N, C-alpha and C. Protein backbone atom coordinates (compact mmCIF):
# COMPACT_ATOMS: atom_id res chain seq x y z
N MET A 1 103.87 93.87 122.77
CA MET A 1 102.14 93.18 122.52
C MET A 1 102.02 92.90 120.77
N SER A 2 101.15 91.71 120.88
CA SER A 2 101.13 91.15 119.28
C SER A 2 99.74 92.25 118.75
N ASN A 3 100.26 92.57 117.94
CA ASN A 3 99.17 93.06 116.71
C ASN A 3 98.03 92.91 116.35
N LYS A 4 97.67 91.40 116.55
CA LYS A 4 96.39 91.78 117.03
C LYS A 4 95.96 91.97 118.10
N ASP A 5 96.48 92.08 119.67
CA ASP A 5 95.93 92.91 120.54
C ASP A 5 96.28 94.76 120.48
N GLU A 6 96.70 95.04 119.51
CA GLU A 6 96.83 96.28 119.41
C GLU A 6 96.02 96.65 118.49
N ILE A 7 95.77 95.52 117.44
CA ILE A 7 94.83 96.26 116.07
C ILE A 7 92.79 96.17 117.28
N HIS A 8 92.69 95.30 117.77
CA HIS A 8 91.92 95.15 118.69
C HIS A 8 91.58 95.93 119.58
N ASN A 9 92.39 96.62 120.51
CA ASN A 9 92.04 97.61 121.15
C ASN A 9 92.07 99.01 120.54
N SER A 10 92.69 99.20 119.02
CA SER A 10 92.17 99.85 118.53
C SER A 10 91.36 99.95 118.43
N ALA A 11 90.60 99.07 117.26
CA ALA A 11 88.88 99.26 117.42
C ALA A 11 88.00 98.84 118.31
N GLU A 12 88.14 98.93 119.94
CA GLU A 12 87.58 98.52 120.57
C GLU A 12 87.25 100.77 121.15
N ASN A 13 88.59 101.51 120.56
CA ASN A 13 88.46 102.65 121.08
C ASN A 13 87.72 103.41 119.97
N ALA A 14 87.81 103.09 118.69
CA ALA A 14 86.75 103.80 117.63
C ALA A 14 85.65 103.21 117.29
N ILE A 15 85.43 101.86 117.98
CA ILE A 15 83.67 101.91 117.99
C ILE A 15 83.34 102.72 118.79
N GLY A 16 83.84 102.65 120.94
CA GLY A 16 83.34 103.61 121.49
C GLY A 16 83.37 105.02 120.63
N LYS A 17 84.28 106.00 120.68
CA LYS A 17 84.02 107.05 120.00
C LYS A 17 83.43 107.48 119.01
N MET A 18 82.56 106.15 117.67
CA MET A 18 80.89 106.71 117.45
C MET A 18 80.24 106.19 118.04
N LYS A 19 80.21 105.11 119.26
CA LYS A 19 78.81 105.43 120.16
C LYS A 19 78.16 106.84 121.02
N GLU A 20 80.35 107.34 120.68
CA GLU A 20 79.37 108.17 121.75
C GLU A 20 78.93 109.55 121.48
N GLY A 21 80.38 109.79 119.57
CA GLY A 21 79.22 110.59 119.13
C GLY A 21 78.12 110.31 118.29
N VAL A 22 77.61 109.53 118.13
CA VAL A 22 75.86 109.18 118.04
C VAL A 22 75.15 108.98 119.23
N GLY A 23 75.39 109.01 120.43
CA GLY A 23 74.85 109.98 121.13
C GLY A 23 75.13 110.71 121.50
N GLU A 24 75.45 111.67 121.42
CA GLU A 24 75.23 113.47 121.23
C GLU A 24 74.66 113.93 120.30
N ALA A 25 75.04 113.31 119.72
CA ALA A 25 74.33 113.81 117.75
C ALA A 25 72.70 113.19 118.49
N THR A 26 72.24 112.43 119.42
CA THR A 26 71.37 112.06 119.04
C THR A 26 70.57 112.58 120.57
N ASN A 27 71.34 112.69 121.26
CA ASN A 27 70.67 113.31 122.47
C ASN A 27 70.62 111.79 123.71
N ASN A 28 71.31 110.70 122.73
CA ASN A 28 71.13 110.39 124.19
C ASN A 28 72.63 109.50 124.89
N GLU A 29 72.38 110.32 125.98
CA GLU A 29 73.27 110.18 127.35
C GLU A 29 73.85 108.44 127.37
N SER A 30 72.84 107.41 126.99
CA SER A 30 73.20 106.25 127.90
C SER A 30 74.00 105.75 127.06
N LEU A 31 73.81 105.45 125.58
CA LEU A 31 74.75 105.96 124.30
C LEU A 31 76.10 106.25 124.38
N ALA A 32 75.91 108.10 124.52
CA ALA A 32 77.58 108.28 124.59
C ALA A 32 77.93 107.71 125.84
N ALA A 33 77.67 107.52 126.69
CA ALA A 33 78.00 107.01 128.37
C ALA A 33 79.08 105.25 128.20
N GLU A 34 78.15 104.77 127.36
CA GLU A 34 78.96 103.25 126.83
C GLU A 34 79.54 103.62 125.98
N GLY A 35 79.79 104.40 125.35
CA GLY A 35 80.90 104.67 124.04
C GLY A 35 82.37 105.40 124.97
N ARG A 36 81.90 106.45 126.10
CA ARG A 36 82.97 106.88 127.24
C ARG A 36 83.24 105.27 127.69
N THR A 37 82.90 104.50 127.88
CA THR A 37 83.23 103.25 128.59
C THR A 37 84.48 102.41 128.22
N ASP A 38 83.78 102.01 126.58
CA ASP A 38 84.18 101.64 125.66
C ASP A 38 85.62 102.37 125.42
N GLN A 39 86.00 103.52 125.70
CA GLN A 39 86.85 103.93 125.32
C GLN A 39 88.26 103.73 126.30
N ALA A 40 87.66 103.90 127.80
CA ALA A 40 88.23 103.84 128.66
C ALA A 40 88.83 102.12 128.75
N LYS A 41 87.89 101.54 128.74
CA LYS A 41 88.13 100.10 128.59
C LYS A 41 89.22 99.95 128.05
N ALA A 42 89.28 100.20 126.42
CA ALA A 42 90.75 100.46 125.55
C ALA A 42 91.45 100.86 125.79
N ASN A 43 91.50 101.48 127.20
CA ASN A 43 92.88 102.40 127.33
C ASN A 43 93.51 101.65 127.98
N ILE A 44 92.36 101.19 128.79
CA ILE A 44 93.00 100.48 129.90
C ILE A 44 93.76 99.17 129.62
N LYS A 45 93.70 98.24 128.92
CA LYS A 45 94.13 97.85 128.13
C LYS A 45 94.58 97.46 127.72
N GLN A 46 95.41 98.36 126.34
CA GLN A 46 96.23 99.02 126.23
C GLN A 46 97.65 99.21 127.20
N ALA A 47 97.09 100.26 128.18
CA ALA A 47 98.08 100.49 129.50
C ALA A 47 98.57 98.95 129.32
N GLY A 48 97.86 98.08 129.92
CA GLY A 48 98.12 97.04 130.39
C GLY A 48 98.81 96.34 129.72
N GLU A 49 98.82 96.34 128.12
CA GLU A 49 100.02 96.15 127.06
C GLU A 49 101.08 97.11 127.74
N ASP A 50 101.08 97.83 127.54
CA ASP A 50 101.83 98.33 127.02
C ASP A 50 103.35 97.74 128.86
N VAL A 51 102.69 97.96 129.55
CA VAL A 51 103.41 97.90 130.93
C VAL A 51 104.49 96.09 130.79
N LYS A 52 102.98 95.31 130.09
CA LYS A 52 103.77 94.24 129.86
C LYS A 52 104.83 93.86 129.24
N ASP A 53 105.04 94.24 127.88
CA ASP A 53 105.88 94.57 127.35
C ASP A 53 107.03 95.51 127.43
N ALA A 54 106.99 95.81 128.48
CA ALA A 54 108.12 97.03 129.41
C ALA A 54 108.99 95.77 129.80
N ALA A 55 108.00 95.47 130.53
CA ALA A 55 108.77 94.37 131.76
C ALA A 55 109.18 93.14 130.91
N LYS A 56 108.52 92.36 129.81
CA LYS A 56 109.81 92.00 128.54
C LYS A 56 111.05 92.67 127.90
N ASN A 57 110.66 93.75 127.78
CA ASN A 57 112.19 94.84 127.46
C ASN A 57 113.12 94.51 128.71
N LEU A 58 112.37 94.73 129.74
CA LEU A 58 113.79 95.22 130.86
C LEU A 58 114.23 93.19 131.06
N LYS A 59 113.36 92.37 130.90
CA LYS A 59 113.69 91.02 131.33
C LYS A 59 115.31 90.71 130.53
N ASP A 60 114.35 90.77 128.65
CA ASP A 60 115.53 90.91 127.37
C ASP A 60 116.73 91.53 128.25
């Protein structure tokens, strides 16, 4: 995985955590749920990149 992808996934995860925290602090369930969704998306992308890396390492 490229560093660019890793940074992007980490940033997306961090933004999701912030949205979730702000949503919970302000009793805005919609924003909190959006934050949790953003985090899940980032984690899925990261897992996909990890699988690609593992496959590439096996190939090498």
